[in-house]
Amino acid sequence: MQHHFIQKSLFLISVCFSLLVLLSCSEQKVKDKPQDQTSDKTLSLAKWFEANGNYINSDEVPSIVDAQLVYALRDENIMVIDLRPTEEFNDGHIEHAINIQPSQVLDFFKNDVEPSSFKGIFFVCNDMSISGYVTGIMRLLGYDNVYAIRYGMSGWSREVAEKFWLENISNLLLGKLETKGYPRNEPGELPVIDAERDSEYDIALEQAEKMLQNTESINITIAELLENPEAYYIICYWPEDKYFNNGHLPGAVQYDPRKSFGLNMYLNTLPVDKPVVVYCYAAQHSIFVVAYLRMLGYDAKSLNYGANAFIHEVIAKTEPRPTRTFTENLIQGFPVVRSGFVEPEKPILIKKEEIKIVGGC
């Protein structure tokens, strides 16, 4: 009996000791747990962007050039980087273009080439939905001789245009838009950047590395948006008069181009708890805005093809400039390289020009 009592006592002591060890470990984990994350690094990065050119609110954005200019400069010291999948690149690409995936761009710039030695570096994809994004990120890092080719390969080749731009312009919402205004959110917190580095440039570089690893979620189609518009904070990136006169997507909030996303303006009115969708006329400006916002930690998406995807007829009438409306006469039909040979050139006469940003939206 006494022996049984001793065994029971030893068992209870053992259990108590185990509980103490577990509690101790738990307390240690709580003590070792880092303090709540803050938006300090986001604020530092935003200040650094504004102090170093304030790109997103400058006349340099969007950094776009027309296909004609790239063709005119084809014998000059330029580089064309085609960001499309290899099989699409092989189906037809600009002569002397190199095929690099977005996730490889930073490493290529740092280790394989001297970017500043080129007169211009031109990114291209099928419709500018990826190339504009990559250009925006590289511009934020200080590469000021990089540009996106307007409308991507759709502005260069009819075959590509028929699969992308011509396939996606529509009048889906003609006569169905709203003309009443919606207020911006009240100012709130900035997003939290999960960055290990401390200096502003290093934070920007770390963010860029992450942002270029996955470009699949940076765009959204009008069909996807209309499935559940309440799930998004929709931004109409037009001047106020266009917002009311042309009409806007239901629930969309107006933000002025090149003015709105400064720290002393409306950057902190964007939500951090739901995706932000930005649209403009032809998605040529919005994709640069999305690059900026994602660098700062926002879950931002550009509406593919902009308003051309749902009121093309209205945009063609009210905004007929090539920077805002895609039409068939913008397809240049320049030669492409297929399977190791160059298609015969048409007798196209284009004078040599200096690189000049002609913008968009």
Protein backbone atom coordinates (compact mmCIF):
# COMPACT_ATOMS: atom_id res chain seq x y z
CA MET A 1 0.00 0.00 0.00
CA GLN A 2 2.76 2.38 0.90
CA HIS A 3 4.60 1.36 -2.27
CA HIS A 4 1.50 2.19 -4.33
CA PHE A 5 1.22 5.60 -2.63
CA ILE A 6 4.85 6.41 -3.46
CA GLN A 7 4.35 5.43 -7.11
CA LYS A 8 1.26 7.64 -7.36
CA SER A 9 3.10 10.55 -5.77
CA LEU A 10 6.00 10.21 -8.16
CA PHE A 11 3.56 10.14 -11.09
CA LEU A 12 1.87 13.36 -9.92
CA ILE A 13 5.24 15.05 -9.46
CA SER A 14 6.22 13.99 -12.97
CA VAL A 15 2.98 15.39 -14.44
CA CYS A 16 3.42 18.70 -12.60
CA PHE A 17 6.99 18.97 -13.78
CA SER A 18 5.94 18.34 -17.38
CA LEU A 19 3.25 21.01 -17.12
CA LEU A 20 5.76 23.48 -15.74
CA VAL A 21 8.12 22.76 -18.62
CA LEU A 22 5.32 23.25 -21.16
CA LEU A 23 4.22 26.51 -19.55
CA SER A 24 7.78 27.69 -19.44
CA CYS A 25 8.27 26.90 -23.13
CA SER A 26 4.98 28.61 -23.96
CA GLU A 27 6.03 31.70 -22.02
CA GLN A 28 9.38 31.63 -23.80
CA LYS A 29 7.64 31.48 -27.18
CA VAL A 30 5.49 34.46 -26.25
CA LYS A 31 8.59 36.34 -25.13
CA ASP A 32 10.43 35.39 -28.31
CA LYS A 33 7.52 36.34 -30.57
CA PRO A 34 8.34 39.54 -32.48
CA GLN A 35 6.40 42.65 -31.70
CA ASP A 36 3.36 43.40 -33.83
CA GLN A 37 4.37 44.42 -37.33
CA THR A 38 3.93 48.07 -38.24
CA SER A 39 3.81 50.05 -41.44
CA ASP A 40 7.06 51.90 -40.64
CA LYS A 41 8.91 50.35 -43.58
CA THR A 42 6.01 51.07 -45.90
CA LEU A 43 6.07 54.71 -44.84
CA SER A 44 9.85 54.88 -45.27
CA LEU A 45 9.60 53.38 -48.75
CA ALA A 46 6.80 55.72 -49.81
CA LYS A 47 8.83 58.71 -48.60
CA TRP A 48 11.87 57.42 -50.47
CA PHE A 49 9.87 57.06 -53.70
CA GLU A 50 8.58 60.61 -53.33
CA ALA A 51 12.04 62.01 -52.57
CA ASN A 52 13.56 60.23 -55.57
CA GLY A 53 11.50 61.49 -58.46
CA ASN A 54 7.97 60.85 -57.14
CA TYR A 55 7.54 58.70 -60.23
CA ILE A 56 3.90 57.72 -59.83
CA ASN A 57 2.83 61.36 -59.59
CA SER A 58 5.19 62.66 -62.29
CA ASP A 59 4.92 63.35 -66.01
CA GLU A 60 7.25 60.40 -66.63
CA VAL A 61 4.46 57.95 -65.89
CA PRO A 62 3.40 55.93 -67.78
CA SER A 63 6.74 55.31 -69.53
CA ILE A 64 5.43 54.11 -72.88
CA VAL A 65 6.65 54.44 -76.46
CA ASP A 66 4.94 53.55 -79.72
CA ALA A 67 5.87 50.56 -81.84
CA GLN A 68 6.87 52.90 -84.68
CA LEU A 69 9.62 54.41 -82.57
CA VAL A 70 11.08 51.04 -81.61
CA TYR A 71 11.01 50.01 -85.26
CA ALA A 72 12.72 53.25 -86.27
CA LEU A 73 15.45 52.67 -83.70
CA ARG A 74 16.00 49.02 -84.61
CA ASP A 75 19.56 49.65 -85.86
CA GLU A 76 20.49 51.74 -82.82
CA ASN A 77 21.93 50.61 -79.49
CA ILE A 78 18.63 49.46 -77.98
CA MET A 79 17.41 46.27 -76.33
CA VAL A 80 13.97 44.68 -76.65
CA ILE A 81 13.01 42.28 -73.87
CA ASP A 82 10.07 40.02 -74.66
CA LEU A 83 8.41 38.87 -71.42
CA ARG A 84 6.06 36.28 -72.94
CA PRO A 85 6.24 32.52 -72.46
CA THR A 86 8.87 30.91 -74.67
CA GLU A 87 6.37 29.20 -76.98
CA GLU A 88 4.65 32.52 -77.73
CA PHE A 89 8.00 34.19 -78.27
CA ASN A 90 8.96 31.47 -80.77
CA ASP A 91 5.69 31.95 -82.67
CA GLY A 92 6.79 35.43 -83.65
CA HIS A 93 8.87 38.16 -82.02
CA ILE A 94 10.66 41.40 -82.77
CA GLU A 95 14.01 40.85 -84.46
CA HIS A 96 16.93 40.72 -81.98
CA ALA A 97 14.54 40.66 -79.00
CA ILE A 98 15.59 38.46 -76.11
CA ASN A 99 13.14 36.30 -74.20
CA ILE A 100 13.25 36.77 -70.41
CA GLN A 101 10.54 35.97 -67.88
CA PRO A 102 9.51 38.72 -65.40
CA SER A 103 11.03 36.75 -62.51
CA GLN A 104 14.42 36.85 -64.27
CA VAL A 105 14.55 40.55 -65.10
CA LEU A 106 16.24 41.83 -61.93
CA ASP A 107 18.95 39.19 -62.02
CA PHE A 108 19.52 39.92 -65.70
CA PHE A 109 19.88 43.65 -65.06
CA LYS A 110 22.25 43.11 -62.14
CA ASN A 111 24.47 40.37 -63.53
CA ASP A 112 24.24 40.03 -67.30
CA VAL A 113 23.99 43.48 -68.80
CA GLU A 114 24.86 47.14 -68.19
CA PRO A 115 21.42 48.77 -68.51
CA SER A 116 22.69 52.36 -68.65
CA SER A 117 24.76 51.57 -71.75
CA PHE A 118 21.64 51.27 -73.91
CA LYS A 119 19.82 54.12 -75.56
CA GLY A 120 16.62 52.45 -74.48
CA ILE A 121 15.39 49.14 -73.10
CA PHE A 122 11.90 48.21 -74.28
CA PHE A 123 9.70 45.64 -72.56
CA VAL A 124 6.98 43.92 -74.54
CA CYS A 125 4.28 41.30 -73.94
CA ASN A 126 1.07 40.56 -75.85
CA ASP A 127 -1.01 43.55 -74.73
CA MET A 128 1.14 45.57 -72.27
CA SER A 129 -0.56 44.06 -69.21
CA ILE A 130 2.74 42.55 -68.02
CA SER A 131 5.32 44.75 -69.72
CA GLY A 132 3.82 47.92 -68.23
CA TYR A 133 4.00 46.38 -64.78
CA VAL A 134 7.64 45.33 -65.15
CA THR A 135 8.53 48.74 -66.58
CA GLY A 136 6.85 50.45 -63.63
CA ILE A 137 8.78 48.41 -61.08
CA MET A 138 12.11 48.95 -62.84
CA ARG A 139 11.43 52.69 -63.05
CA LEU A 140 10.79 52.78 -59.31
CA LEU A 141 14.23 51.21 -58.82
CA GLY A 142 15.83 54.02 -60.81
CA TYR A 143 16.22 52.51 -64.28
CA ASP A 144 15.16 55.59 -66.21
CA ASN A 145 15.79 54.27 -69.74
CA VAL A 146 13.21 51.47 -69.63
CA TYR A 147 9.90 51.69 -71.47
CA ALA A 148 6.89 49.56 -72.35
CA ILE A 149 5.87 49.25 -76.00
CA ARG A 150 2.34 50.58 -76.38
CA TYR A 151 -0.26 47.80 -76.70
CA GLY A 152 2.54 45.24 -76.66
CA MET A 153 2.85 42.91 -79.65
CA SER A 154 -0.78 43.76 -80.47
CA GLY A 155 0.50 47.09 -81.80
CA TRP A 156 3.21 45.32 -83.79
CA SER A 157 1.50 42.23 -85.24
CA ARG A 158 -2.08 41.70 -86.43
CA GLU A 159 -1.90 38.03 -85.52
CA VAL A 160 -1.30 38.91 -81.87
CA ALA A 161 -3.82 41.77 -81.88
CA GLU A 162 -6.59 39.43 -83.04
CA LYS A 163 -5.99 37.18 -80.03
CA PHE A 164 -5.69 39.95 -77.47
CA TRP A 165 -6.76 43.56 -78.04
CA LEU A 166 -9.25 43.02 -80.84
CA GLU A 167 -10.67 40.03 -79.00
CA ASN A 168 -11.24 41.94 -75.75
CA ILE A 169 -12.60 45.37 -76.66
CA SER A 170 -16.38 45.49 -76.15
CA ASN A 171 -19.46 47.56 -75.33
CA LEU A 172 -20.65 45.21 -72.61
CA LEU A 173 -21.76 48.02 -70.28
CA LEU A 174 -22.80 50.63 -72.82
CA GLY A 175 -25.62 52.65 -71.22
CA LYS A 176 -25.26 50.78 -67.92
CA LEU A 177 -22.71 52.92 -66.08
CA GLU A 178 -23.29 55.21 -63.10
CA THR A 179 -22.87 58.96 -63.05
CA LYS A 180 -23.23 59.62 -59.33
CA GLY A 181 -20.12 60.05 -57.25
CA TYR A 182 -18.81 57.90 -54.42
CA PRO A 183 -16.65 59.25 -51.57
CA ARG A 184 -13.14 58.02 -50.92
CA ASN A 185 -12.46 56.11 -47.73
CA GLU A 186 -11.47 57.98 -44.63
CA PRO A 187 -7.68 58.04 -44.09
CA GLY A 188 -6.39 54.88 -42.43
CA GLU A 189 -3.27 52.81 -41.97
CA LEU A 190 -0.75 51.92 -44.65
CA PRO A 191 -0.14 48.25 -45.46
CA VAL A 192 2.59 46.32 -43.68
CA ILE A 193 5.60 45.36 -45.77
CA ASP A 194 7.20 42.11 -44.66
CA ALA A 195 10.76 43.19 -45.49
CA GLU A 196 13.92 41.95 -43.82
CA ARG A 197 16.15 44.75 -45.08
CA ASP A 198 16.33 48.21 -43.56
CA SER A 199 17.58 50.84 -46.00
CA GLU A 200 14.95 52.27 -48.31
CA TYR A 201 16.62 51.13 -51.53
CA ASP A 202 17.16 47.64 -50.14
CA ILE A 203 13.50 47.49 -49.11
CA ALA A 204 12.52 48.57 -52.64
CA LEU A 205 14.80 45.92 -54.12
CA GLU A 206 13.40 43.23 -51.83
CA GLN A 207 9.86 44.22 -52.72
CA ALA A 208 10.67 44.24 -56.43
CA GLU A 209 12.13 40.75 -56.19
CA LYS A 210 8.87 39.52 -54.64
CA MET A 211 6.60 41.44 -57.01
CA LEU A 212 8.32 40.05 -60.11
CA GLN A 213 8.14 36.44 -58.96
CA ASN A 214 4.42 36.17 -59.60
CA THR A 215 2.64 38.36 -62.13
CA GLU A 216 -0.44 36.18 -62.49
CA SER A 217 -2.57 38.13 -60.02
CA ILE A 218 -1.82 41.69 -61.14
CA ASN A 219 -4.65 41.87 -63.70
CA ILE A 220 -8.36 41.21 -63.58
CA THR A 221 -10.88 40.92 -66.42
CA ILE A 222 -14.15 42.80 -66.55
CA ALA A 223 -16.02 39.47 -66.33
CA GLU A 224 -14.14 38.54 -63.14
CA LEU A 225 -14.78 41.95 -61.63
CA LEU A 226 -18.50 41.88 -62.37
CA GLU A 227 -18.91 38.48 -60.69
CA ASN A 228 -18.53 40.15 -57.30
CA PRO A 229 -17.79 43.89 -57.56
CA GLU A 230 -18.47 44.47 -53.85
CA ALA A 231 -15.37 42.41 -53.04
CA TYR A 232 -13.14 45.14 -54.50
CA TYR A 233 -12.37 48.79 -53.90
CA ILE A 234 -12.73 50.03 -57.49
CA ILE A 235 -10.78 53.09 -58.56
CA CYS A 236 -11.67 55.10 -61.66
CA TYR A 237 -8.33 56.70 -62.51
CA TRP A 238 -9.77 59.53 -64.61
CA PRO A 239 -10.17 63.28 -64.10
CA GLU A 240 -13.36 64.15 -62.27
CA ASP A 241 -15.18 65.49 -65.34
CA LYS A 242 -14.61 62.21 -67.25
CA TYR A 243 -15.74 60.26 -64.18
CA PHE A 244 -19.14 61.96 -64.31
CA ASN A 245 -19.54 62.62 -68.04
CA ASN A 246 -18.50 59.22 -69.40
CA GLY A 247 -19.98 57.31 -66.48
CA HIS A 248 -18.09 54.84 -64.34
CA LEU A 249 -18.30 51.29 -63.06
CA PRO A 250 -20.88 50.85 -60.26
CA GLY A 251 -19.38 51.86 -56.93
CA ALA A 252 -16.13 53.13 -58.44
CA VAL A 253 -14.34 55.95 -56.62
CA GLN A 254 -12.57 58.70 -58.57
CA TYR A 255 -8.84 59.43 -58.10
CA ASP A 256 -7.01 62.03 -60.18
CA PRO A 257 -4.14 60.75 -62.34
CA ARG A 258 -0.63 61.79 -61.24
CA LYS A 259 -1.97 63.53 -58.14
CA SER A 260 -3.74 61.14 -55.84
CA PHE A 261 -1.21 58.68 -54.46
CA GLY A 262 1.08 60.94 -52.49
CA LEU A 263 1.44 60.64 -48.73
CA ASN A 264 -0.07 64.10 -48.37
CA MET A 265 -2.94 63.22 -50.70
CA TYR A 266 -5.06 60.06 -50.74
CA LEU A 267 -2.68 57.12 -50.56
CA ASN A 268 -3.86 56.18 -47.08
CA THR A 269 -7.52 56.14 -48.16
CA LEU A 270 -6.91 52.83 -49.92
CA PRO A 271 -8.07 49.78 -47.97
CA VAL A 272 -5.58 47.26 -46.65
CA ASP A 273 -8.21 44.56 -46.04
CA LYS A 274 -9.59 44.08 -49.58
CA PRO A 275 -8.21 44.11 -53.14
CA VAL A 276 -7.98 47.41 -55.00
CA VAL A 277 -8.87 47.43 -58.70
CA VAL A 278 -7.63 50.37 -60.76
CA TYR A 279 -8.94 51.15 -64.22
CA CYS A 280 -8.25 53.90 -66.74
CA TYR A 281 -9.02 54.22 -70.46
CA ALA A 282 -6.83 51.45 -71.89
CA ALA A 283 -5.04 49.99 -68.84
CA GLN A 284 -1.87 51.76 -69.93
CA HIS A 285 -1.73 53.99 -66.87
CA SER A 286 -3.44 51.74 -64.37
CA ILE A 287 -0.84 48.97 -64.66
CA PHE A 288 1.88 51.44 -63.61
CA VAL A 289 -0.24 52.49 -60.64
CA VAL A 290 -0.67 48.84 -59.70
CA ALA A 291 3.12 48.34 -59.82
CA TYR A 292 3.53 51.24 -57.39
CA LEU A 293 0.78 50.15 -55.02
CA ARG A 294 1.95 46.54 -54.91
CA MET A 295 5.48 47.70 -54.11
CA LEU A 296 3.94 49.43 -51.08
CA GLY A 297 2.11 46.30 -49.98
CA TYR A 298 -1.38 46.85 -51.38
CA ASP A 299 -3.28 44.01 -53.02
CA ALA A 300 -3.81 45.94 -56.25
CA LYS A 301 -4.97 44.81 -59.68
CA SER A 302 -5.33 46.51 -63.05
CA LEU A 303 -8.52 46.05 -65.05
CA ASN A 304 -7.43 44.45 -68.32
CA TYR A 305 -7.95 46.71 -71.36
CA GLY A 306 -9.44 49.42 -69.14
CA ALA A 307 -12.69 51.05 -70.23
CA ASN A 308 -12.08 49.73 -73.75
CA ALA A 309 -13.23 46.38 -72.32
CA PHE A 310 -16.75 47.61 -71.57
CA ILE A 311 -17.49 50.96 -73.31
CA HIS A 312 -15.14 50.92 -76.29
CA GLU A 313 -17.57 52.90 -78.45
CA VAL A 314 -17.72 55.73 -75.90
CA ILE A 315 -13.95 55.84 -75.46
CA ALA A 316 -13.40 55.79 -79.23
CA LYS A 317 -15.67 58.85 -79.59
CA THR A 318 -14.62 60.85 -76.54
CA GLU A 319 -10.96 59.80 -76.26
CA PRO A 320 -9.84 59.04 -79.83
CA ARG A 321 -6.13 59.47 -79.12
CA PRO A 322 -3.91 56.39 -79.60
CA THR A 323 -2.97 56.63 -75.94
CA ARG A 324 -6.54 55.87 -74.88
CA THR A 325 -8.35 53.88 -77.57
CA PHE A 326 -7.20 50.81 -79.45
CA THR A 327 -8.26 50.66 -83.09
CA GLU A 328 -7.17 48.52 -86.02
CA ASN A 329 -5.15 51.32 -87.58
CA LEU A 330 -2.77 51.11 -84.61
CA ILE A 331 -1.63 47.66 -85.75
CA GLN A 332 1.60 48.37 -87.61
CA GLY A 333 2.18 45.00 -89.24
CA PHE A 334 5.92 45.16 -88.70
CA PRO A 335 8.00 42.03 -89.46
CA VAL A 336 8.51 39.35 -86.84
CA VAL A 337 11.00 36.53 -86.47
CA ARG A 338 9.65 32.97 -86.63
CA SER A 339 11.65 29.78 -86.22
CA GLY A 340 14.98 31.35 -87.03
CA PHE A 341 14.07 33.51 -90.04
CA VAL A 342 12.80 37.04 -90.48
CA GLU A 343 9.67 37.68 -92.48
CA PRO A 344 10.28 39.97 -95.46
CA GLU A 345 10.00 43.61 -94.53
CA LYS A 346 7.35 45.83 -96.01
CA PRO A 347 8.66 49.08 -97.50
CA ILE A 348 8.02 51.11 -94.34
CA LEU A 349 9.75 54.47 -94.17
CA ILE A 350 10.09 55.87 -90.66
CA LYS A 351 12.50 58.63 -89.75
CA LYS A 352 14.94 58.09 -86.90
CA GLU A 353 13.79 59.72 -83.68
CA GLU A 354 14.94 60.35 -80.17
CA ILE A 355 13.13 58.46 -77.45
CA LYS A 356 10.26 60.46 -76.08
CA ILE A 357 7.61 59.24 -73.68
CA VAL A 358 4.20 59.71 -75.20
CA GLY A 359 2.39 58.37 -72.17
CA GLY A 360 -1.10 57.00 -71.97
CA CYS A 361 -4.46 57.58 -70.30
